[in-house]
N, C-alpha and C. Protein backbone atom coordinates (compact mmCIF):
# COMPACT_ATOMS: atom_id res chain seq x y z
N MET A 1 1.05 -1.22 -0.13
CA MET A 1 -0.10 -0.38 -0.02
C MET A 1 0.66 1.11 0.13
N ASN A 2 0.43 2.18 -0.97
CA ASN A 2 1.25 3.70 -0.54
C ASN A 2 1.47 3.70 0.59
N PRO A 3 2.69 4.12 1.09
CA PRO A 3 3.09 5.09 2.42
C PRO A 3 2.44 5.99 2.61
N GLU A 4 2.17 7.05 1.87
CA GLU A 4 1.69 8.66 1.76
C GLU A 4 -0.26 8.10 2.08
N ILE A 5 -0.73 7.39 1.57
CA ILE A 5 -2.51 7.08 2.36
C ILE A 5 -2.55 6.62 3.23
N LEU A 6 -1.01 5.40 4.28
CA LEU A 6 -1.59 5.48 5.40
C LEU A 6 -0.73 6.32 6.37
N PHE A 7 -0.39 7.28 6.00
CA PHE A 7 0.60 7.99 6.63
C PHE A 7 -0.99 9.31 7.23
N LYS A 8 -1.46 9.87 6.54
CA LYS A 8 -2.72 10.87 6.09
C LYS A 8 -3.40 9.56 6.82
N MET A 9 -3.86 8.38 6.77
CA MET A 9 -5.00 7.87 7.55
C MET A 9 -4.46 8.08 9.10
N GLY A 10 -3.19 7.48 9.24
CA GLY A 10 -2.57 7.40 10.80
C GLY A 10 -3.40 9.21 10.88
N ARG A 11 -2.33 10.19 10.66
CA ARG A 11 -2.46 11.17 10.75
C ARG A 11 -4.55 12.24 11.38
N LYS A 12 -5.28 11.36 10.26
CA LYS A 12 -6.83 11.35 10.60
C LYS A 12 -7.74 10.44 12.34
N LEU A 13 -6.27 9.80 11.90
CA LEU A 13 -7.02 9.12 13.54
C LEU A 13 -6.32 9.84 14.57
N ALA A 14 -5.53 10.14 14.35
CA ALA A 14 -4.85 11.29 15.31
C ALA A 14 -6.10 12.50 15.71
N LEU A 15 -6.58 12.89 14.25
CA LEU A 15 -7.13 14.32 14.86
C LEU A 15 -8.61 13.69 15.35
N LEU A 16 -9.27 12.45 14.71
CA LEU A 16 -10.67 12.80 15.69
C LEU A 16 -10.28 12.13 16.66
N ARG A 17 -9.64 10.63 16.83
CA ARG A 17 -9.43 10.95 18.60
C ARG A 17 -9.04 11.95 19.70
N LYS A 18 -8.64 13.23 18.79
CA LYS A 18 -8.30 13.96 19.91
C LYS A 18 -9.99 15.11 19.27
N ARG A 19 -10.24 15.16 18.12
CA ARG A 19 -11.82 15.91 18.08
C ARG A 19 -12.29 15.32 19.27
N ASN A 20 -12.67 13.61 19.13
CA ASN A 20 -14.02 13.01 19.78
C ASN A 20 -14.15 12.53 20.81
N PHE A 21 -11.93 11.53 21.05
CA PHE A 21 -12.48 11.86 22.97
C PHE A 21 -11.14 12.48 23.52
N PRO A 22 -11.31 14.32 23.52
CA PRO A 22 -10.37 14.96 23.74
C PRO A 22 -8.89 14.87 25.21
N LYS A 23 -10.27 13.81 25.85
CA LYS A 23 -9.03 13.75 27.22
C LYS A 23 -8.56 11.96 26.93
N ASP A 24 -8.76 11.09 26.26
CA ASP A 24 -8.41 10.18 25.18
C ASP A 24 -7.07 10.40 25.32
N ASN A 25 -5.63 10.34 25.74
CA ASN A 25 -4.64 10.03 25.17
C ASN A 25 -4.47 8.66 24.47
N GLN A 26 -2.40 8.98 23.31
CA GLN A 26 -2.41 7.48 23.30
C GLN A 26 -3.63 6.10 23.92
N ALA A 27 -2.81 5.98 24.89
CA ALA A 27 -2.88 5.19 25.47
C ALA A 27 -4.44 4.72 26.47
N THR A 28 -5.04 5.72 26.86
CA THR A 28 -6.48 5.70 27.00
C THR A 28 -7.07 5.07 25.37
N PHE A 29 -6.73 6.02 24.30
CA PHE A 29 -7.55 5.34 23.27
C PHE A 29 -7.21 4.42 22.28
N ALA A 30 -5.96 3.58 23.26
CA ALA A 30 -5.62 1.93 22.48
C ALA A 30 -6.68 1.35 23.31
N ILE A 31 -6.90 1.57 24.84
CA ILE A 31 -7.52 0.25 25.31
C ILE A 31 -9.00 0.51 24.72
N ARG A 32 -9.20 1.27 24.22
CA ARG A 32 -10.63 1.32 23.80
C ARG A 32 -10.68 0.27 22.44
N VAL A 33 -10.07 0.78 21.80
CA VAL A 33 -9.58 0.00 20.07
C VAL A 33 -9.24 -1.48 20.56
N GLY A 34 -8.51 -2.33 22.43
CA GLY A 34 -8.12 -2.99 22.19
C GLY A 34 -7.15 -4.03 21.52
N VAL A 35 -6.01 -2.54 22.01
CA VAL A 35 -4.76 -2.65 20.86
C VAL A 35 -3.73 -1.88 22.18
N SER A 36 -2.68 -2.99 21.84
CA SER A 36 -1.56 -2.12 23.22
C SER A 36 -1.24 -0.65 22.44
N LYS A 37 -0.78 0.08 23.63
CA LYS A 37 -0.42 1.05 23.81
C LYS A 37 0.86 1.65 22.36
N THR A 38 1.43 0.54 21.90
CA THR A 38 3.02 0.80 21.25
C THR A 38 2.53 0.25 19.51
N THR A 39 0.92 -0.26 19.36
CA THR A 39 -0.02 -0.30 18.38
C THR A 39 -0.51 0.41 18.24
N TYR A 40 -1.04 1.08 19.40
CA TYR A 40 -2.29 2.29 18.64
C TYR A 40 -1.03 3.23 18.05
N VAL A 41 0.24 3.24 18.64
CA VAL A 41 1.18 4.75 18.22
C VAL A 41 1.19 4.42 16.87
N LYS A 42 1.75 3.50 16.63
CA LYS A 42 2.07 2.87 15.24
C LYS A 42 0.80 3.05 14.20
N MET A 43 -0.41 2.62 14.42
CA MET A 43 -1.95 2.68 13.87
C MET A 43 -1.89 4.67 13.23
N GLU A 44 -1.60 5.21 13.93
CA GLU A 44 -1.38 6.97 14.16
C GLU A 44 -0.26 7.21 13.41
N LYS A 45 1.37 6.30 13.26
CA LYS A 45 1.39 6.25 11.96
C LYS A 45 1.10 5.51 10.88
N GLY A 46 -0.10 5.36 10.86
CA GLY A 46 -0.12 4.96 9.33
C GLY A 46 0.67 4.06 9.17
N ASP A 47 1.00 2.38 10.27
CA ASP A 47 1.88 1.65 9.60
C ASP A 47 1.48 0.68 9.03
N SER A 48 1.69 -0.21 8.10
CA SER A 48 1.09 -1.34 7.58
C SER A 48 1.38 -2.52 8.06
N GLN A 49 2.06 -2.83 8.99
CA GLN A 49 2.58 -3.70 9.66
C GLN A 49 0.42 -4.08 10.64
N VAL A 50 0.44 -3.14 11.27
CA VAL A 50 -0.75 -3.14 12.00
C VAL A 50 -1.62 -3.99 10.76
N ALA A 51 -2.71 -4.84 11.66
CA ALA A 51 -3.56 -5.53 11.09
C ALA A 51 -4.84 -4.37 10.46
N ILE A 52 -5.71 -4.97 9.21
CA ILE A 52 -6.57 -3.98 9.27
C ILE A 52 -7.43 -4.17 10.80
N GLY A 53 -8.16 -4.96 11.26
CA GLY A 53 -9.20 -4.94 11.58
C GLY A 53 -8.85 -3.61 13.64
N SER A 54 -7.25 -3.89 13.16
CA SER A 54 -7.61 -2.80 15.13
C SER A 54 -8.11 -1.39 13.15
N TYR A 55 -7.71 -0.88 12.68
CA TYR A 55 -7.99 0.39 12.26
C TYR A 55 -9.66 0.55 11.95
N PHE A 56 -10.22 -0.76 11.63
CA PHE A 56 -11.29 -0.99 10.94
C PHE A 56 -12.22 -0.18 13.23
N LYS A 57 -12.20 -1.24 14.07
CA LYS A 57 -12.14 -1.39 14.81
C LYS A 57 -12.66 0.32 15.73
N ALA A 58 -11.24 0.96 15.48
CA ALA A 58 -10.80 2.53 15.63
C ALA A 58 -11.87 3.47 14.75
N ALA A 59 -11.80 3.12 13.21
CA ALA A 59 -13.21 3.20 12.95
C ALA A 59 -14.24 3.60 13.03
N SER A 60 -15.04 2.39 13.66
CA SER A 60 -16.42 2.13 14.28
C SER A 60 -16.07 2.98 16.27
N ILE A 61 -15.52 3.21 16.57
CA ILE A 61 -15.46 3.81 17.62
C ILE A 61 -15.24 5.05 17.58
N LEU A 62 -15.09 5.71 16.43
CA LEU A 62 -14.75 7.06 15.55
C LEU A 62 -15.64 7.82 15.06
N ASN A 63 -16.93 6.70 14.83
CA ASN A 63 -18.01 6.46 13.99
C ASN A 63 -17.62 6.97 12.61
N VAL A 64 -16.75 6.46 12.06
CA VAL A 64 -16.18 6.83 10.82
C VAL A 64 -16.28 5.71 9.41
N GLU A 65 -16.65 4.78 10.58
CA GLU A 65 -16.32 3.16 9.46
C GLU A 65 -17.46 2.98 9.02
N SER A 66 -18.67 3.90 8.08
CA SER A 66 -19.15 3.77 6.93
C SER A 66 -17.84 4.13 6.29
N GLN A 67 -17.24 5.38 6.03
CA GLN A 67 -16.13 5.90 5.24
C GLN A 67 -15.37 4.31 5.17
N PHE A 68 -15.10 3.82 5.71
CA PHE A 68 -14.13 2.94 5.82
C PHE A 68 -14.93 1.44 5.48
N ARG A 69 -16.04 0.97 5.14
CA ARG A 69 -16.55 0.41 4.40
C ARG A 69 -16.79 0.29 2.64
N VAL A 70 -17.05 1.59 2.58
CA VAL A 70 -16.78 2.17 1.36
C VAL A 70 -16.10 1.07 0.77
N LEU A 71 -14.77 1.06 1.30
CA LEU A 71 -12.82 0.85 0.39
C LEU A 71 -14.17 -0.86 -0.03
N PHE A 72 -15.01 -2.17 0.70
CA PHE A 72 -14.64 -2.90 0.40
C PHE A 72 -16.49 -3.31 0.56
N THR A 73 -16.60 -2.22 -0.76
CA THR A 73 -18.44 -2.58 -1.07
C THR A 73 -18.51 -2.39 -2.64
N THR A 74 -19.05 -3.35 -3.21
CA THR A 74 -18.95 -3.07 -4.60
C THR A 74 -19.70 -2.60 -4.96
N PRO A 75 -19.15 -2.08 -6.17
CA PRO A 75 -19.46 -0.82 -7.25
C PRO A 75 -21.10 -1.38 -7.72
N LYS A 76 -22.48 -0.20 -7.35
CA LYS A 76 -23.00 -0.53 -8.67
C LYS A 76 -23.08 -0.52 -10.17
N GLU A 77 -23.25 -0.89 -10.94
CA GLU A 77 -23.63 -1.21 -12.24
C GLU A 77 -23.87 0.04 -13.20
């Protein structure tokens, strides 16, 4: 996957966390997602080694899972 896309996704993840859960630091939000703080930090950096399910779980918590699901929806012809 394009590193720039992952980097931007990580930046958006950090912005959404700060906006939606302003009292959560990375460690606290990691608990919500069900990953370690180390893994969550990697997510905010756009690390491609993090399981896609972790990104989806974070998207769900942040109420943007519909945008994530669009990637995997068959286009109408």
